[in-house]
Amino acid sequence: MAKFPAFSPEYRRRFVESGLWLDRTLYDYFSETVRHVPDKVAIVAGERRITFAQWADEVERLAAGMVRLGITQGDIVSVQLPYH
């Protein structure tokens, strides 16, 4: 199976030290937003409105389900959406 290229620790360190990377994940930003504005609408899907707190609950349930399936850190997960 092909490996995805990874940045070396030195390469990553240079970008973090230069300020180009903030050394934070998307989940870090998401969690911060959930803490600050949990009741703000995050997603509008037709008539449905989902707050950041509700979205966070869905994310946690999805993550727990993936763990139950045996998915661990470093595993590659893909999503295929229909084309219309």
C-alpha atoms as a PDB file:
ATOM      1  CA  MET A   1       0.000   0.000   0.000  1.00  0.00           C
ATOM      2  CA  ALA A   2       1.340   3.456  -0.897  1.00  0.00           C
ATOM      3  CA  LYS A   3       2.370   5.746   1.931  1.00  0.00           C
ATOM      4  CA  PHE A   4       1.340   9.368   1.941  1.00  0.00           C
ATOM      5  CA  PRO A   5       4.307  11.761   2.096  1.00  0.00           C
ATOM      6  CA  ALA A   6       4.926  13.237   5.521  1.00  0.00           C
ATOM      7  CA  PHE A   7       6.829  16.326   6.470  1.00  0.00           C
ATOM      8  CA  SER A   8      10.008  15.700   8.375  1.00  0.00           C
ATOM      9  CA  PRO A   9      10.146  16.965  11.975  1.00  0.00           C
ATOM     10  CA  GLU A  10      12.707  19.578  10.858  1.00  0.00           C
ATOM     11  CA  TYR A  11      10.491  20.821   8.024  1.00  0.00           C
ATOM     12  CA  ARG A  12       7.515  21.070  10.368  1.00  0.00           C
ATOM     13  CA  ARG A  13       9.566  22.827  13.069  1.00  0.00           C
ATOM     14  CA  ARG A  14      10.736  25.490  10.599  1.00  0.00           C
ATOM     15  CA  PHE A  15       7.161  26.306   9.576  1.00  0.00           C
ATOM     16  CA  VAL A  16       5.937  26.445  13.190  1.00  0.00           C
ATOM     17  CA  GLU A  17       8.842  28.649  14.279  1.00  0.00           C
ATOM     18  CA  SER A  18       8.340  31.010  11.319  1.00  0.00           C
ATOM     19  CA  GLY A  19       4.692  31.485  12.313  1.00  0.00           C
ATOM     20  CA  LEU A  20       3.343  30.046   9.067  1.00  0.00           C
ATOM     21  CA  TRP A  21       1.847  27.098  10.944  1.00  0.00           C
ATOM     22  CA  LEU A  22       0.177  27.676  14.283  1.00  0.00           C
ATOM     23  CA  ASP A  23       0.655  24.044  15.351  1.00  0.00           C
ATOM     24  CA  ARG A  24      -3.090  23.633  15.865  1.00  0.00           C
ATOM     25  CA  THR A  25      -5.504  21.203  14.293  1.00  0.00           C
ATOM     26  CA  LEU A  26      -8.890  21.928  12.766  1.00  0.00           C
ATOM     27  CA  TYR A  27     -10.356  20.212  15.813  1.00  0.00           C
ATOM     28  CA  ASP A  28      -8.521  22.696  18.076  1.00  0.00           C
ATOM     29  CA  TYR A  29     -10.250  25.568  16.286  1.00  0.00           C
ATOM     30  CA  PHE A  30     -13.592  23.764  16.274  1.00  0.00           C
ATOM     31  CA  SER A  31     -13.421  23.019  20.017  1.00  0.00           C
ATOM     32  CA  GLU A  32     -12.544  26.635  20.765  1.00  0.00           C
ATOM     33  CA  THR A  33     -15.543  27.826  18.769  1.00  0.00           C
ATOM     34  CA  VAL A  34     -17.843  25.340  20.537  1.00  0.00           C
ATOM     35  CA  ARG A  35     -16.649  26.670  23.918  1.00  0.00           C
ATOM     36  CA  HIS A  36     -17.164  30.320  22.930  1.00  0.00           C
ATOM     37  CA  VAL A  37     -20.453  30.165  21.008  1.00  0.00           C
ATOM     38  CA  PRO A  38     -22.109  26.775  21.655  1.00  0.00           C
ATOM     39  CA  ASP A  39     -25.612  28.013  20.816  1.00  0.00           C
ATOM     40  CA  LYS A  40     -24.705  29.806  17.586  1.00  0.00           C
ATOM     41  CA  VAL A  41     -26.023  28.170  14.413  1.00  0.00           C
ATOM     42  CA  ALA A  42     -23.177  26.431  12.619  1.00  0.00           C
ATOM     43  CA  ILE A  43     -24.962  24.509   9.863  1.00  0.00           C
ATOM     44  CA  VAL A  44     -28.120  25.228   7.904  1.00  0.00           C
ATOM     45  CA  ALA A  45     -29.457  22.256   5.937  1.00  0.00           C
ATOM     46  CA  GLY A  46     -32.811  23.092   4.428  1.00  0.00           C
ATOM     47  CA  GLU A  47     -35.083  23.833   7.373  1.00  0.00           C
ATOM     48  CA  ARG A  48     -32.713  22.235   9.881  1.00  0.00           C
ATOM     49  CA  ARG A  49     -30.464  24.422  12.019  1.00  0.00           C
ATOM     50  CA  ILE A  50     -27.560  22.835  13.901  1.00  0.00           C
ATOM     51  CA  THR A  51     -25.698  24.699  16.642  1.00  0.00           C
ATOM     52  CA  PHE A  52     -22.001  24.311  17.330  1.00  0.00           C
ATOM     53  CA  ALA A  53     -22.841  22.339  20.512  1.00  0.00           C
ATOM     54  CA  GLN A  54     -25.108  19.958  18.564  1.00  0.00           C
ATOM     55  CA  TRP A  55     -22.452  19.568  15.872  1.00  0.00           C
ATOM     56  CA  ALA A  56     -19.844  18.794  18.546  1.00  0.00           C
ATOM     57  CA  ASP A  57     -22.111  16.069  19.947  1.00  0.00           C
ATOM     58  CA  GLU A  58     -22.372  14.536  16.471  1.00  0.00           C
ATOM     59  CA  VAL A  59     -18.596  14.701  16.022  1.00  0.00           C
ATOM     60  CA  GLU A  60     -18.036  12.942  19.366  1.00  0.00           C
ATOM     61  CA  ARG A  61     -20.534  10.212  18.501  1.00  0.00           C
ATOM     62  CA  LEU A  62     -18.904   9.699  15.104  1.00  0.00           C
ATOM     63  CA  ALA A  63     -15.436   9.505  16.696  1.00  0.00           C
ATOM     64  CA  ALA A  64     -16.644   6.998  19.303  1.00  0.00           C
ATOM     65  CA  GLY A  65     -18.165   4.854  16.554  1.00  0.00           C
ATOM     66  CA  MET A  66     -14.908   4.903  14.611  1.00  0.00           C
ATOM     67  CA  VAL A  67     -13.003   3.803  17.715  1.00  0.00           C
ATOM     68  CA  ARG A  68     -15.480   0.945  18.187  1.00  0.00           C
ATOM     69  CA  LEU A  69     -14.735  -0.112  14.597  1.00  0.00           C
ATOM     70  CA  GLY A  70     -11.029  -0.267  15.419  1.00  0.00           C
ATOM     71  CA  ILE A  71      -9.956   2.918  13.664  1.00  0.00           C
ATOM     72  CA  THR A  72      -6.952   4.444  15.408  1.00  0.00           C
ATOM     73  CA  GLN A  73      -4.675   7.453  15.050  1.00  0.00           C
ATOM     74  CA  GLY A  74      -2.764   7.286  11.784  1.00  0.00           C
ATOM     75  CA  ASP A  75      -5.413   5.277   9.943  1.00  0.00           C
ATOM     76  CA  ILE A  76      -6.631   6.776   6.684  1.00  0.00           C
ATOM     77  CA  VAL A  77     -10.371   7.454   6.520  1.00  0.00           C
ATOM     78  CA  SER A  78     -12.077   8.462   3.291  1.00  0.00           C
ATOM     79  CA  VAL A  79     -15.552   9.751   2.502  1.00  0.00           C
ATOM     80  CA  GLN A  80     -17.263   9.379  -0.852  1.00  0.00           C
ATOM     81  CA  LEU A  81     -20.126  11.722  -1.635  1.00  0.00           C
ATOM     82  CA  PRO A  82     -22.575  11.338  -4.511  1.00  0.00           C
ATOM     83  CA  TYR A  83     -22.028  13.399  -7.628  1.00  0.00           C
ATOM     84  CA  HIS A  84     -25.082  15.230  -8.928  1.00  0.00           C
END
